Amino acid sequence: MTSEVEQPTAASEALGYEQARDELIEVVRRLEAGGTTLEESLALWERGEELAKICRRRLDGARARLDAALAEESEATAEGEDGGR
């Protein structure tokens, strides 16, 4: 059972950041509202953990792309400055 939680399903991985975030918000809302059985609460918690991991991976990927673009821009600027000498 642990491997299912640690490794998101292919359908979950196909979720975009916004979709995963919106579903995570709904999961949290349902957990905070209460009125669910222990089993339902555990299932919601596990789904929330999976969604949070998806969001984190998407954000980390976006950060890496941004860092790469900024590094490229910095290199291009540095090369432009050296070319004028």
C-alpha atoms as a PDB file:
ATOM      1  CA  MET A   1       0.000   0.000   0.000  1.00  0.00           C
ATOM      2  CA  THR A   2       2.856   2.391   0.723  1.00  0.00           C
ATOM      3  CA  SER A   3       4.193   2.110  -2.830  1.00  0.00           C
ATOM      4  CA  GLU A   4       0.832   3.279  -4.178  1.00  0.00           C
ATOM      5  CA  VAL A   5       1.037   6.452  -2.116  1.00  0.00           C
ATOM      6  CA  GLU A   6       4.686   7.135  -2.929  1.00  0.00           C
ATOM      7  CA  GLN A   7       4.305   6.573  -6.656  1.00  0.00           C
ATOM      8  CA  PRO A   8       1.446   8.589  -8.138  1.00  0.00           C
ATOM      9  CA  THR A   9      -0.694   6.990 -10.780  1.00  0.00           C
ATOM     10  CA  ALA A  10      -0.244   7.888 -14.436  1.00  0.00           C
ATOM     11  CA  ALA A  11      -3.585   9.701 -14.356  1.00  0.00           C
ATOM     12  CA  SER A  12      -2.413  11.812 -11.420  1.00  0.00           C
ATOM     13  CA  GLU A  13       0.880  12.623 -13.119  1.00  0.00           C
ATOM     14  CA  ALA A  14      -1.065  13.905 -16.132  1.00  0.00           C
ATOM     15  CA  LEU A  15      -2.634  16.601 -13.951  1.00  0.00           C
ATOM     16  CA  GLY A  16      -1.380  20.109 -14.499  1.00  0.00           C
ATOM     17  CA  TYR A  17      -0.383  22.261 -11.566  1.00  0.00           C
ATOM     18  CA  GLU A  18      -3.671  24.157 -11.465  1.00  0.00           C
ATOM     19  CA  GLN A  19      -5.745  20.979 -11.618  1.00  0.00           C
ATOM     20  CA  ALA A  20      -3.737  19.318  -8.848  1.00  0.00           C
ATOM     21  CA  ARG A  21      -3.879  22.486  -6.726  1.00  0.00           C
ATOM     22  CA  ASP A  22      -7.635  22.822  -7.154  1.00  0.00           C
ATOM     23  CA  GLU A  23      -8.210  19.181  -6.246  1.00  0.00           C
ATOM     24  CA  LEU A  24      -5.899  19.565  -3.236  1.00  0.00           C
ATOM     25  CA  ILE A  25      -7.926  22.567  -2.074  1.00  0.00           C
ATOM     26  CA  GLU A  26     -11.094  20.462  -2.309  1.00  0.00           C
ATOM     27  CA  VAL A  27      -9.472  17.606  -0.375  1.00  0.00           C
ATOM     28  CA  VAL A  28      -8.416  19.993   2.395  1.00  0.00           C
ATOM     29  CA  ARG A  29     -11.885  21.535   2.481  1.00  0.00           C
ATOM     30  CA  ARG A  30     -13.476  18.102   2.881  1.00  0.00           C
ATOM     31  CA  LEU A  31     -11.048  17.098   5.614  1.00  0.00           C
ATOM     32  CA  GLU A  32     -11.599  20.335   7.506  1.00  0.00           C
ATOM     33  CA  ALA A  33     -15.380  20.012   7.207  1.00  0.00           C
ATOM     34  CA  GLY A  34     -15.278  16.622   8.930  1.00  0.00           C
ATOM     35  CA  GLY A  35     -18.170  14.214   8.801  1.00  0.00           C
ATOM     36  CA  THR A  36     -16.174  11.515   7.022  1.00  0.00           C
ATOM     37  CA  THR A  37     -15.351   8.078   8.304  1.00  0.00           C
ATOM     38  CA  LEU A  38     -11.825   7.225   9.368  1.00  0.00           C
ATOM     39  CA  GLU A  39     -11.282   5.266   6.165  1.00  0.00           C
ATOM     40  CA  GLU A  40     -12.574   8.138   4.021  1.00  0.00           C
ATOM     41  CA  SER A  41     -10.380  10.590   5.929  1.00  0.00           C
ATOM     42  CA  LEU A  42      -7.312   8.398   5.408  1.00  0.00           C
ATOM     43  CA  ALA A  43      -8.068   8.066   1.699  1.00  0.00           C
ATOM     44  CA  LEU A  44      -8.483  11.827   1.424  1.00  0.00           C
ATOM     45  CA  TRP A  45      -5.234  12.404   3.328  1.00  0.00           C
ATOM     46  CA  GLU A  46      -3.351  10.017   1.030  1.00  0.00           C
ATOM     47  CA  ARG A  47      -4.816  11.722  -2.044  1.00  0.00           C
ATOM     48  CA  GLY A  48      -3.835  15.089  -0.606  1.00  0.00           C
ATOM     49  CA  GLU A  49      -0.258  13.909  -0.084  1.00  0.00           C
ATOM     50  CA  GLU A  50      -0.130  12.674  -3.677  1.00  0.00           C
ATOM     51  CA  LEU A  51      -1.515  15.960  -4.993  1.00  0.00           C
ATOM     52  CA  ALA A  52       0.922  17.969  -2.886  1.00  0.00           C
ATOM     53  CA  LYS A  53       3.829  15.977  -4.366  1.00  0.00           C
ATOM     54  CA  ILE A  54       2.542  16.631  -7.877  1.00  0.00           C
ATOM     55  CA  CYS A  55       2.302  20.356  -7.130  1.00  0.00           C
ATOM     56  CA  ARG A  56       5.809  20.374  -5.682  1.00  0.00           C
ATOM     57  CA  ARG A  57       7.239  18.591  -8.751  1.00  0.00           C
ATOM     58  CA  ARG A  58       5.484  21.037 -11.081  1.00  0.00           C
ATOM     59  CA  LEU A  59       6.772  24.020  -9.103  1.00  0.00           C
ATOM     60  CA  ASP A  60      10.295  22.579  -8.964  1.00  0.00           C
ATOM     61  CA  GLY A  61      10.190  22.069 -12.737  1.00  0.00           C
ATOM     62  CA  ALA A  62       9.022  25.624 -13.292  1.00  0.00           C
ATOM     63  CA  ARG A  63      11.782  26.908 -10.990  1.00  0.00           C
ATOM     64  CA  ALA A  64      14.403  24.935 -12.927  1.00  0.00           C
ATOM     65  CA  ARG A  65      13.144  26.330 -16.242  1.00  0.00           C
ATOM     66  CA  LEU A  66      13.177  29.868 -14.853  1.00  0.00           C
ATOM     67  CA  ASP A  67      16.679  29.435 -13.419  1.00  0.00           C
ATOM     68  CA  ALA A  68      17.912  28.072 -16.770  1.00  0.00           C
ATOM     69  CA  ALA A  69      16.369  30.994 -18.666  1.00  0.00           C
ATOM     70  CA  LEU A  70      17.899  33.504 -16.260  1.00  0.00           C
ATOM     71  CA  ALA A  71      21.312  31.816 -16.519  1.00  0.00           C
ATOM     72  CA  GLU A  72      21.069  31.904 -20.327  1.00  0.00           C
ATOM     73  CA  GLU A  73      20.196  35.593 -20.233  1.00  0.00           C
ATOM     74  CA  SER A  74      23.065  36.289 -17.840  1.00  0.00           C
ATOM     75  CA  GLU A  75      25.525  34.429 -20.089  1.00  0.00           C
ATOM     76  CA  ALA A  76      24.293  36.273 -23.166  1.00  0.00           C
ATOM     77  CA  THR A  77      24.684  39.606 -21.377  1.00  0.00           C
ATOM     78  CA  ALA A  78      28.199  38.686 -20.211  1.00  0.00           C
ATOM     79  CA  GLU A  79      29.198  37.627 -23.731  1.00  0.00           C
ATOM     80  CA  GLY A  80      27.834  40.879 -25.128  1.00  0.00           C
ATOM     81  CA  GLU A  81      29.907  42.878 -22.679  1.00  0.00           C
ATOM     82  CA  ASP A  82      33.096  40.922 -23.530  1.00  0.00           C
ATOM     83  CA  GLY A  83      32.534  41.340 -27.261  1.00  0.00           C
ATOM     84  CA  GLY A  84      32.865  45.122 -27.044  1.00  0.00           C
ATOM     85  CA  ARG A  85      36.465  45.025 -25.754  1.00  0.00           C
END
